[in-house]
Amino acid sequence: ASVFTFNESGLTANTVYFYRIYAKTATTTYVTNNPLTGIQATLQTEPTGAPGSFVVGSPTSSSLTGAFTAGTGATSYVVLQKLGSAVSPDAPTDGTTYALGNAIGSSTVVYVGVLGGLPFTPTGLNSNAVYHYAAFSAAGSGPSINYLTSAVATANRTTLVEDPIDQPSNLSFSNVTTTSFDVSFSDAPTIPDGYIVIRRADAAVATAPTDGTAYSIGNPIGSG
């Protein structure tokens, strides 16, 4: 059997077109019962700008938070996440709508919505792992949705290492002089990667270190 293909041009963007196809004879006699029917929408006009100022931050050992500014001509956005390498070439497909958790190639949809729905916060992430993100501008909805894929906002961030389980013990001081003393303590039962010691004169230490921040000897931490 043959397949008939023809092109329709000069149509209006973001418009639904309805079709009926009837069989006929050479003498223009038509079969009018049970025609072939179909519906197709044209795409909305494509956005012209990718999202701007894409930042992914606020890391924990299992979550991150991301936000960006508006893309020109966009009415909604889709964000893809991929572990360990860039999202490209994965990209949404025009005319297809997505939900959180959908797979696109080897990436995962982690945000679908408008600018006012930001920030997005993916959870359940691996600790100490690099996650890559790509934010796509979109216009339209349903079968008319049109994604800008030639210009994309990207970002990446590493999640934190999981918190140590235990604290050290048996803090003691020895060899005290007028200007010095030795400080000792015992390893935590579950030995961590390291320790940070904070000192304060004349009052108890009231400030803790901040996750994601590396410190050197002599750095101030609050009033410590």
C-alpha atoms as a PDB file:
ATOM      1  CA  ALA A   1       0.000   0.000   0.000  1.00  0.00           C
ATOM      2  CA  SER A   2       1.160   3.519  -0.737  1.00  0.00           C
ATOM      3  CA  VAL A   3       1.805   6.246   1.815  1.00  0.00           C
ATOM      4  CA  PHE A   4       0.732   9.759   0.801  1.00  0.00           C
ATOM      5  CA  THR A   5       2.650  12.741   2.209  1.00  0.00           C
ATOM      6  CA  PHE A   6       2.079  16.424   1.560  1.00  0.00           C
ATOM      7  CA  ASN A   7       3.299  19.599   3.254  1.00  0.00           C
ATOM      8  CA  GLU A   8       1.035  22.177   4.855  1.00  0.00           C
ATOM      9  CA  SER A   9       2.557  25.665   5.015  1.00  0.00           C
ATOM     10  CA  GLY A  10       1.385  29.168   5.815  1.00  0.00           C
ATOM     11  CA  LEU A  11      -0.343  27.975   8.976  1.00  0.00           C
ATOM     12  CA  THR A  12      -0.832  30.003  12.156  1.00  0.00           C
ATOM     13  CA  ALA A  13       1.378  29.360  15.189  1.00  0.00           C
ATOM     14  CA  ASN A  14      -0.192  27.807  18.301  1.00  0.00           C
ATOM     15  CA  THR A  15      -3.320  26.712  16.427  1.00  0.00           C
ATOM     16  CA  VAL A  16      -5.090  23.341  16.392  1.00  0.00           C
ATOM     17  CA  TYR A  17      -6.032  22.032  12.921  1.00  0.00           C
ATOM     18  CA  PHE A  18      -8.644  19.282  12.384  1.00  0.00           C
ATOM     19  CA  TYR A  19      -8.637  16.921   9.401  1.00  0.00           C
ATOM     20  CA  ARG A  20     -11.023  14.542   7.682  1.00  0.00           C
ATOM     21  CA  ILE A  21      -9.873  12.427   4.748  1.00  0.00           C
ATOM     22  CA  TYR A  22     -12.383  10.733   2.407  1.00  0.00           C
ATOM     23  CA  ALA A  23     -11.805   8.095  -0.245  1.00  0.00           C
ATOM     24  CA  LYS A  24     -13.066   8.944  -3.752  1.00  0.00           C
ATOM     25  CA  THR A  25     -13.380   7.528  -7.236  1.00  0.00           C
ATOM     26  CA  ALA A  26     -12.026   9.051 -10.419  1.00  0.00           C
ATOM     27  CA  THR A  27     -15.525  10.361 -11.147  1.00  0.00           C
ATOM     28  CA  THR A  28     -15.672  12.282  -7.829  1.00  0.00           C
ATOM     29  CA  THR A  29     -17.846   9.860  -5.979  1.00  0.00           C
ATOM     30  CA  TYR A  30     -16.944  10.028  -2.281  1.00  0.00           C
ATOM     31  CA  VAL A  31     -17.222   7.526   0.539  1.00  0.00           C
ATOM     32  CA  THR A  32     -18.627   9.698   3.313  1.00  0.00           C
ATOM     33  CA  ASN A  33     -19.058   7.231   6.174  1.00  0.00           C
ATOM     34  CA  ASN A  34     -16.188   6.622   8.635  1.00  0.00           C
ATOM     35  CA  PRO A  35     -13.659   9.094   7.193  1.00  0.00           C
ATOM     36  CA  LEU A  36     -10.098   9.141   8.479  1.00  0.00           C
ATOM     37  CA  THR A  37      -9.788  11.911  11.073  1.00  0.00           C
ATOM     38  CA  GLY A  38      -6.888  13.582  12.844  1.00  0.00           C
ATOM     39  CA  ILE A  39      -5.860  16.611  14.851  1.00  0.00           C
ATOM     40  CA  GLN A  40      -2.533  18.453  14.842  1.00  0.00           C
ATOM     41  CA  ALA A  41      -1.425  21.666  16.553  1.00  0.00           C
ATOM     42  CA  THR A  42       1.265  23.977  15.265  1.00  0.00           C
ATOM     43  CA  LEU A  43       3.963  25.033  17.712  1.00  0.00           C
ATOM     44  CA  GLN A  44       3.960  28.276  19.658  1.00  0.00           C
ATOM     45  CA  THR A  45       6.597  30.783  18.548  1.00  0.00           C
ATOM     46  CA  GLU A  46       9.934  29.688  20.015  1.00  0.00           C
ATOM     47  CA  PRO A  47      11.451  31.779  22.846  1.00  0.00           C
ATOM     48  CA  THR A  48      14.448  33.846  21.777  1.00  0.00           C
ATOM     49  CA  GLY A  49      16.459  33.795  25.004  1.00  0.00           C
ATOM     50  CA  ALA A  50      17.784  31.197  27.422  1.00  0.00           C
ATOM     51  CA  PRO A  51      17.356  31.701  31.171  1.00  0.00           C
ATOM     52  CA  GLY A  52      19.990  33.952  32.741  1.00  0.00           C
ATOM     53  CA  SER A  53      22.084  33.991  35.919  1.00  0.00           C
ATOM     54  CA  PHE A  54      21.655  30.268  36.587  1.00  0.00           C
ATOM     55  CA  VAL A  55      23.005  29.451  40.050  1.00  0.00           C
ATOM     56  CA  VAL A  56      22.880  26.138  41.919  1.00  0.00           C
ATOM     57  CA  GLY A  57      23.818  26.357  45.603  1.00  0.00           C
ATOM     58  CA  SER A  58      22.777  25.636  49.202  1.00  0.00           C
ATOM     59  CA  PRO A  59      24.365  22.194  49.088  1.00  0.00           C
ATOM     60  CA  THR A  60      23.706  19.502  51.660  1.00  0.00           C
ATOM     61  CA  SER A  61      24.807  15.892  51.447  1.00  0.00           C
ATOM     62  CA  SER A  62      21.569  15.007  49.626  1.00  0.00           C
ATOM     63  CA  SER A  63      20.090  18.173  48.086  1.00  0.00           C
ATOM     64  CA  LEU A  64      20.819  21.340  46.116  1.00  0.00           C
ATOM     65  CA  THR A  65      18.825  24.476  45.285  1.00  0.00           C
ATOM     66  CA  GLY A  66      18.720  26.241  41.912  1.00  0.00           C
ATOM     67  CA  ALA A  67      17.307  29.440  40.440  1.00  0.00           C
ATOM     68  CA  PHE A  68      17.670  31.606  37.341  1.00  0.00           C
ATOM     69  CA  THR A  69      16.274  34.737  35.724  1.00  0.00           C
ATOM     70  CA  ALA A  70      13.814  35.005  32.835  1.00  0.00           C
ATOM     71  CA  GLY A  71      14.549  34.005  29.263  1.00  0.00           C
ATOM     72  CA  THR A  72      13.219  36.328  26.563  1.00  0.00           C
ATOM     73  CA  GLY A  73       9.899  35.082  25.188  1.00  0.00           C
ATOM     74  CA  ALA A  74       9.646  32.205  27.672  1.00  0.00           C
ATOM     75  CA  THR A  75       6.424  31.412  29.506  1.00  0.00           C
ATOM     76  CA  SER A  76       7.726  28.323  31.307  1.00  0.00           C
ATOM     77  CA  TYR A  77      10.912  26.350  31.884  1.00  0.00           C
ATOM     78  CA  VAL A  78      12.221  22.788  32.058  1.00  0.00           C
ATOM     79  CA  VAL A  79      15.361  21.884  34.024  1.00  0.00           C
ATOM     80  CA  LEU A  80      17.296  18.664  33.443  1.00  0.00           C
ATOM     81  CA  GLN A  81      19.734  17.089  35.920  1.00  0.00           C
ATOM     82  CA  LYS A  82      22.549  14.648  35.207  1.00  0.00           C
ATOM     83  CA  LEU A  83      25.065  13.067  37.566  1.00  0.00           C
ATOM     84  CA  GLY A  84      28.753  13.341  36.730  1.00  0.00           C
ATOM     85  CA  SER A  85      28.709  14.941  33.258  1.00  0.00           C
ATOM     86  CA  ALA A  86      27.058  17.685  31.225  1.00  0.00           C
ATOM     87  CA  VAL A  87      23.380  17.350  30.298  1.00  0.00           C
ATOM     88  CA  SER A  88      24.044  18.014  26.577  1.00  0.00           C
ATOM     89  CA  PRO A  89      23.005  16.561  24.165  1.00  0.00           C
ATOM     90  CA  ASP A  90      19.872  15.668  26.150  1.00  0.00           C
ATOM     91  CA  ALA A  91      17.083  18.185  25.498  1.00  0.00           C
ATOM     92  CA  PRO A  92      13.267  18.361  25.602  1.00  0.00           C
ATOM     93  CA  THR A  93      11.296  17.657  22.428  1.00  0.00           C
ATOM     94  CA  ASP A  94       8.918  20.232  20.931  1.00  0.00           C
ATOM     95  CA  GLY A  95       5.279  19.323  21.384  1.00  0.00           C
ATOM     96  CA  THR A  96       5.988  17.094  24.378  1.00  0.00           C
ATOM     97  CA  THR A  97       5.122  18.007  27.961  1.00  0.00           C
ATOM     98  CA  TYR A  98       7.116  16.637  30.882  1.00  0.00           C
ATOM     99  CA  ALA A  99       6.631  15.890  34.570  1.00  0.00           C
ATOM    100  CA  LEU A 100       9.110  15.724  37.434  1.00  0.00           C
ATOM    101  CA  GLY A 101      11.143  12.543  37.286  1.00  0.00           C
ATOM    102  CA  ASN A 102      10.731  11.976  33.543  1.00  0.00           C
ATOM    103  CA  ALA A 103      13.863  10.735  31.794  1.00  0.00           C
ATOM    104  CA  ILE A 104      15.210  12.557  28.740  1.00  0.00           C
ATOM    105  CA  GLY A 105      18.159  10.581  27.435  1.00  0.00           C
ATOM    106  CA  SER A 106      20.353   9.958  30.476  1.00  0.00           C
ATOM    107  CA  SER A 107      19.100  13.096  32.269  1.00  0.00           C
ATOM    108  CA  THR A 108      16.156  13.585  34.626  1.00  0.00           C
ATOM    109  CA  VAL A 109      13.545  16.364  34.720  1.00  0.00           C
ATOM    110  CA  VAL A 110      13.828  18.170  38.079  1.00  0.00           C
ATOM    111  CA  TYR A 111      11.763  21.295  37.374  1.00  0.00           C
ATOM    112  CA  VAL A 112       8.795  22.133  35.153  1.00  0.00           C
ATOM    113  CA  GLY A 113       7.096  25.448  35.723  1.00  0.00           C
ATOM    114  CA  VAL A 114       7.099  29.217  35.620  1.00  0.00           C
ATOM    115  CA  LEU A 115       9.686  31.636  36.958  1.00  0.00           C
ATOM    116  CA  GLY A 116       7.583  32.278  40.050  1.00  0.00           C
ATOM    117  CA  GLY A 117       7.867  28.630  41.055  1.00  0.00           C
ATOM    118  CA  LEU A 118      11.598  28.902  41.682  1.00  0.00           C
ATOM    119  CA  PRO A 119      13.792  27.939  43.387  1.00  0.00           C
ATOM    120  CA  PHE A 120      13.775  24.241  42.579  1.00  0.00           C
ATOM    121  CA  THR A 121      15.271  21.830  45.117  1.00  0.00           C
ATOM    122  CA  PRO A 122      16.239  18.342  43.927  1.00  0.00           C
ATOM    123  CA  THR A 123      16.565  15.891  46.820  1.00  0.00           C
ATOM    124  CA  GLY A 124      17.708  12.314  47.309  1.00  0.00           C
ATOM    125  CA  LEU A 125      21.080  13.091  45.718  1.00  0.00           C
ATOM    126  CA  ASN A 126      24.326  11.208  46.291  1.00  0.00           C
ATOM    127  CA  SER A 127      26.758  12.755  48.751  1.00  0.00           C
ATOM    128  CA  ASN A 128      30.034  14.265  47.499  1.00  0.00           C
ATOM    129  CA  ALA A 129      28.850  14.049  43.879  1.00  0.00           C
ATOM    130  CA  VAL A 130      28.841  16.559  41.025  1.00  0.00           C
ATOM    131  CA  TYR A 131      25.421  17.253  39.503  1.00  0.00           C
ATOM    132  CA  HIS A 132      25.024  19.111  36.207  1.00  0.00           C
ATOM    133  CA  TYR A 133      21.950  21.117  35.225  1.00  0.00           C
ATOM    134  CA  ALA A 134      20.513  22.626  32.033  1.00  0.00           C
ATOM    135  CA  ALA A 135      17.572  25.062  32.050  1.00  0.00           C
ATOM    136  CA  PHE A 136      15.486  25.414  28.867  1.00  0.00           C
ATOM    137  CA  SER A 137      13.111  28.239  27.948  1.00  0.00           C
ATOM    138  CA  ALA A 138       9.689  27.183  26.650  1.00  0.00           C
ATOM    139  CA  ALA A 139       6.619  28.869  25.184  1.00  0.00           C
ATOM    140  CA  GLY A 140       3.110  27.508  24.729  1.00  0.00           C
ATOM    141  CA  SER A 141       1.543  24.475  26.323  1.00  0.00           C
ATOM    142  CA  GLY A 142       0.392  20.960  25.512  1.00  0.00           C
ATOM    143  CA  PRO A 143       1.065  19.878  21.920  1.00  0.00           C
ATOM    144  CA  SER A 144       2.011  23.464  20.977  1.00  0.00           C
ATOM    145  CA  ILE A 145       4.874  23.808  23.480  1.00  0.00           C
ATOM    146  CA  ASN A 146       8.104  24.943  21.832  1.00  0.00           C
ATOM    147  CA  TYR A 147      11.508  24.660  23.531  1.00  0.00           C
ATOM    148  CA  LEU A 148      14.562  26.782  22.823  1.00  0.00           C
ATOM    149  CA  THR A 149      17.398  24.235  22.625  1.00  0.00           C
ATOM    150  CA  SER A 150      20.016  26.215  20.705  1.00  0.00           C
ATOM    151  CA  ALA A 151      20.713  28.416  23.750  1.00  0.00           C
ATOM    152  CA  VAL A 152      20.662  26.825  27.201  1.00  0.00           C
ATOM    153  CA  ALA A 153      21.580  27.956  30.732  1.00  0.00           C
ATOM    154  CA  THR A 154      23.879  25.493  32.525  1.00  0.00           C
ATOM    155  CA  ALA A 155      25.270  25.106  36.035  1.00  0.00           C
ATOM    156  CA  ASN A 156      26.797  22.437  38.227  1.00  0.00           C
ATOM    157  CA  ARG A 157      27.448  21.898  41.927  1.00  0.00           C
ATOM    158  CA  THR A 158      28.922  19.266  44.227  1.00  0.00           C
ATOM    159  CA  THR A 159      26.897  17.941  47.146  1.00  0.00           C
ATOM    160  CA  LEU A 160      28.510  17.808  50.560  1.00  0.00           C
ATOM    161  CA  VAL A 161      30.144  14.795  52.135  1.00  0.00           C
ATOM    162  CA  GLU A 162      27.844  13.126  54.646  1.00  0.00           C
ATOM    163  CA  ASP A 163      28.154  14.468  58.193  1.00  0.00           C
ATOM    164  CA  PRO A 164      30.460  12.511  60.514  1.00  0.00           C
ATOM    165  CA  ILE A 165      28.488  10.183  62.781  1.00  0.00           C
ATOM    166  CA  ASP A 166      30.326  10.868  66.063  1.00  0.00           C
ATOM    167  CA  GLN A 167      32.290  13.619  67.795  1.00  0.00           C
ATOM    168  CA  PRO A 168      35.743  13.203  69.411  1.00  0.00           C
ATOM    169  CA  SER A 169      36.066  12.708  73.182  1.00  0.00           C
ATOM    170  CA  ASN A 170      38.403  13.085  76.169  1.00  0.00           C
ATOM    171  CA  LEU A 171      39.515  16.688  75.672  1.00  0.00           C
ATOM    172  CA  SER A 172      42.481  17.424  77.945  1.00  0.00           C
ATOM    173  CA  PHE A 173      45.190  20.044  78.484  1.00  0.00           C
ATOM    174  CA  SER A 174      48.765  19.583  79.678  1.00  0.00           C
ATOM    175  CA  ASN A 175      52.179  21.270  79.932  1.00  0.00           C
ATOM    176  CA  VAL A 176      50.576  24.563  80.928  1.00  0.00           C
ATOM    177  CA  THR A 177      52.813  27.646  81.026  1.00  0.00           C
ATOM    178  CA  THR A 178      52.040  31.352  81.151  1.00  0.00           C
ATOM    179  CA  THR A 179      51.744  31.505  77.326  1.00  0.00           C
ATOM    180  CA  SER A 180      51.051  27.976  76.092  1.00  0.00           C
ATOM    181  CA  PHE A 181      49.639  24.525  76.762  1.00  0.00           C
ATOM    182  CA  ASP A 182      49.142  21.256  74.866  1.00  0.00           C
ATOM    183  CA  VAL A 183      45.675  20.171  73.726  1.00  0.00           C
ATOM    184  CA  SER A 184      44.714  16.517  73.295  1.00  0.00           C
ATOM    185  CA  PHE A 185      41.560  14.598  72.406  1.00  0.00           C
ATOM    186  CA  SER A 186      40.616  11.094  71.277  1.00  0.00           C
ATOM    187  CA  ASP A 187      39.308  10.037  67.868  1.00  0.00           C
ATOM    188  CA  ALA A 188      35.573   9.705  67.366  1.00  0.00           C
ATOM    189  CA  PRO A 189      34.350   6.065  67.436  1.00  0.00           C
ATOM    190  CA  THR A 190      33.610   6.327  63.713  1.00  0.00           C
ATOM    191  CA  ILE A 191      36.758   8.081  62.518  1.00  0.00           C
ATOM    192  CA  PRO A 192      36.000  11.098  60.274  1.00  0.00           C
ATOM    193  CA  ASP A 193      38.237  12.630  57.585  1.00  0.00           C
ATOM    194  CA  GLY A 194      39.494  15.265  60.021  1.00  0.00           C
ATOM    195  CA  TYR A 195      38.728  17.774  62.759  1.00  0.00           C
ATOM    196  CA  ILE A 196      38.489  21.546  63.149  1.00  0.00           C
ATOM    197  CA  VAL A 197      39.356  23.181  66.478  1.00  0.00           C
ATOM    198  CA  ILE A 198      37.939  26.596  67.394  1.00  0.00           C
ATOM    199  CA  ARG A 199      39.376  28.667  70.264  1.00  0.00           C
ATOM    200  CA  ARG A 200      37.949  31.690  72.062  1.00  0.00           C
ATOM    201  CA  ALA A 201      39.403  33.675  74.957  1.00  0.00           C
ATOM    202  CA  ASP A 202      37.375  34.537  78.066  1.00  0.00           C
ATOM    203  CA  ALA A 203      34.058  33.058  76.898  1.00  0.00           C
ATOM    204  CA  ALA A 204      32.639  29.811  75.581  1.00  0.00           C
ATOM    205  CA  VAL A 205      32.802  29.154  71.844  1.00  0.00           C
ATOM    206  CA  ALA A 206      29.366  29.959  70.453  1.00  0.00           C
ATOM    207  CA  THR A 207      29.920  29.603  66.696  1.00  0.00           C
ATOM    208  CA  ALA A 208      30.118  26.425  64.582  1.00  0.00           C
ATOM    209  CA  PRO A 209      31.847  25.991  61.219  1.00  0.00           C
ATOM    210  CA  THR A 210      29.735  26.361  58.066  1.00  0.00           C
ATOM    211  CA  ASP A 211      29.230  23.406  55.705  1.00  0.00           C
ATOM    212  CA  GLY A 212      30.955  23.848  52.361  1.00  0.00           C
ATOM    213  CA  THR A 213      33.545  26.289  53.754  1.00  0.00           C
ATOM    214  CA  ALA A 214      37.229  25.383  54.061  1.00  0.00           C
ATOM    215  CA  TYR A 215      39.150  27.021  56.911  1.00  0.00           C
ATOM    216  CA  SER A 216      42.831  27.645  57.573  1.00  0.00           C
ATOM    217  CA  ILE A 217      44.609  28.102  60.889  1.00  0.00           C
ATOM    218  CA  GLY A 218      44.020  31.632  62.124  1.00  0.00           C
ATOM    219  CA  ASN A 219      40.741  32.174  60.264  1.00  0.00           C
ATOM    220  CA  PRO A 220      38.083  33.876  62.424  1.00  0.00           C
ATOM    221  CA  ILE A 221      34.777  32.039  62.915  1.00  0.00           C
ATOM    222  CA  GLY A 222      32.245  34.329  64.554  1.00  0.00           C
ATOM    223  CA  SER A 223      33.831  35.411  67.841  1.00  0.00           C
ATOM    224  CA  GLY A 224      36.051  32.298  67.994  1.00  0.00           C
END
